[in-house]
Amino acid sequence: MAGVEEMRSWVAVATEKARSGIAAIAQASLELDEARGALATASSGREPAELARSQSLLAEADRSLAEARDTLYEGIAAAEGYLGGR
């Protein structure tokens, strides 16, 4: 079994990678916002059904990203909490 210091090191690597994932999710969310803005401009006050559906799906994707981000935060907290008990 790995020693405490080795475990701390691996948990630090894991949490760093998870935080990088959170940053990537934030960037993806910004890209989705830009995509939704572009669709809003494309519709020019009209809301063709296809564009409305696309807007809805992009919003759903953004919600999924937010859920993934929250899950990553929980995973980081759990890993760091585990180390706190060691």
Protein backbone atom coordinates (compact mmCIF):
# COMPACT_ATOMS: atom_id res chain seq x y z
CA MET A 1 0.00 0.00 0.00
CA ALA A 2 1.26 3.48 -0.82
CA GLY A 3 2.59 5.65 1.95
CA VAL A 4 0.72 8.75 3.07
CA GLU A 5 3.05 11.15 1.25
CA GLU A 6 2.79 9.17 -1.97
CA MET A 7 -1.01 9.16 -1.65
CA ARG A 8 -1.01 12.92 -1.06
CA SER A 9 1.08 13.37 -4.18
CA TRP A 10 -1.27 11.30 -6.32
CA VAL A 11 -4.34 13.03 -4.92
CA ALA A 12 -2.70 16.38 -5.72
CA VAL A 13 -2.17 15.23 -9.31
CA ALA A 14 -5.78 14.03 -9.54
CA THR A 15 -7.22 17.25 -8.13
CA GLU A 16 -5.02 19.35 -10.42
CA LYS A 17 -6.31 17.40 -13.43
CA ALA A 18 -9.89 17.77 -12.19
CA ARG A 19 -9.39 21.52 -11.83
CA SER A 20 -8.07 21.61 -15.40
CA GLY A 21 -11.26 19.83 -16.41
CA ILE A 22 -13.30 22.49 -14.62
CA ALA A 23 -11.44 25.19 -16.54
CA ALA A 24 -12.13 23.36 -19.81
CA ILE A 25 -15.82 23.14 -18.90
CA ALA A 26 -15.88 26.88 -18.23
CA GLN A 27 -14.36 27.50 -21.66
CA ALA A 28 -16.85 25.15 -23.31
CA SER A 29 -19.70 26.97 -21.58
CA LEU A 30 -18.44 30.29 -22.95
CA GLU A 31 -18.30 28.77 -26.43
CA LEU A 32 -21.90 27.57 -26.07
CA ASP A 33 -22.97 31.07 -25.02
CA GLU A 34 -21.33 32.45 -28.16
CA ALA A 35 -23.04 29.80 -30.27
CA ARG A 36 -26.41 30.69 -28.77
CA GLY A 37 -25.72 34.36 -29.43
CA ALA A 38 -24.87 33.61 -33.04
CA LEU A 39 -28.12 31.68 -33.45
CA ALA A 40 -30.06 34.55 -31.90
CA THR A 41 -28.47 36.90 -34.43
CA ALA A 42 -29.19 34.46 -37.26
CA SER A 43 -32.87 34.32 -36.37
CA SER A 44 -33.10 38.16 -36.49
CA GLY A 45 -36.25 38.37 -34.41
CA ARG A 46 -37.82 35.36 -36.09
CA GLU A 47 -37.64 32.02 -34.38
CA PRO A 48 -37.68 29.26 -36.99
CA ALA A 49 -38.42 25.92 -35.36
CA GLU A 50 -35.01 24.49 -36.22
CA LEU A 51 -33.18 27.42 -34.62
CA ALA A 52 -35.42 27.31 -31.56
CA ARG A 53 -34.64 23.61 -31.17
CA SER A 54 -30.95 24.28 -31.61
CA GLN A 55 -31.10 27.02 -28.94
CA SER A 56 -32.86 24.61 -26.61
CA LEU A 57 -30.30 21.87 -27.19
CA LEU A 58 -27.39 24.25 -26.63
CA ALA A 59 -28.98 25.36 -23.36
CA GLU A 60 -29.39 21.71 -22.37
CA ALA A 61 -25.73 21.06 -23.17
CA ASP A 62 -24.75 24.03 -21.00
CA ARG A 63 -26.80 22.63 -18.10
CA SER A 64 -25.06 19.28 -18.55
CA LEU A 65 -21.69 21.03 -18.40
CA ALA A 66 -22.73 22.76 -15.17
CA GLU A 67 -23.68 19.39 -13.69
CA ALA A 68 -20.33 17.92 -14.74
CA ARG A 69 -18.53 20.89 -13.18
CA ASP A 70 -20.42 20.45 -9.92
CA THR A 71 -19.60 16.73 -9.91
CA LEU A 72 -15.92 17.51 -10.38
CA TYR A 73 -16.01 19.93 -7.45
CA GLU A 74 -17.60 17.20 -5.31
CA GLY A 75 -14.93 14.73 -6.41
CA ILE A 76 -12.16 17.16 -5.50
CA ALA A 77 -13.72 17.80 -2.10
CA ALA A 78 -14.06 14.06 -1.46
CA ALA A 79 -10.44 13.38 -2.41
CA GLU A 80 -9.17 16.24 -0.27
CA GLY A 81 -11.47 15.16 2.56
CA TYR A 82 -10.02 11.67 2.41
CA LEU A 83 -6.56 13.10 2.89
CA GLY A 84 -7.77 15.25 5.76
CA GLY A 85 -8.59 12.06 7.65
CA ARG A 86 -5.12 10.64 7.09
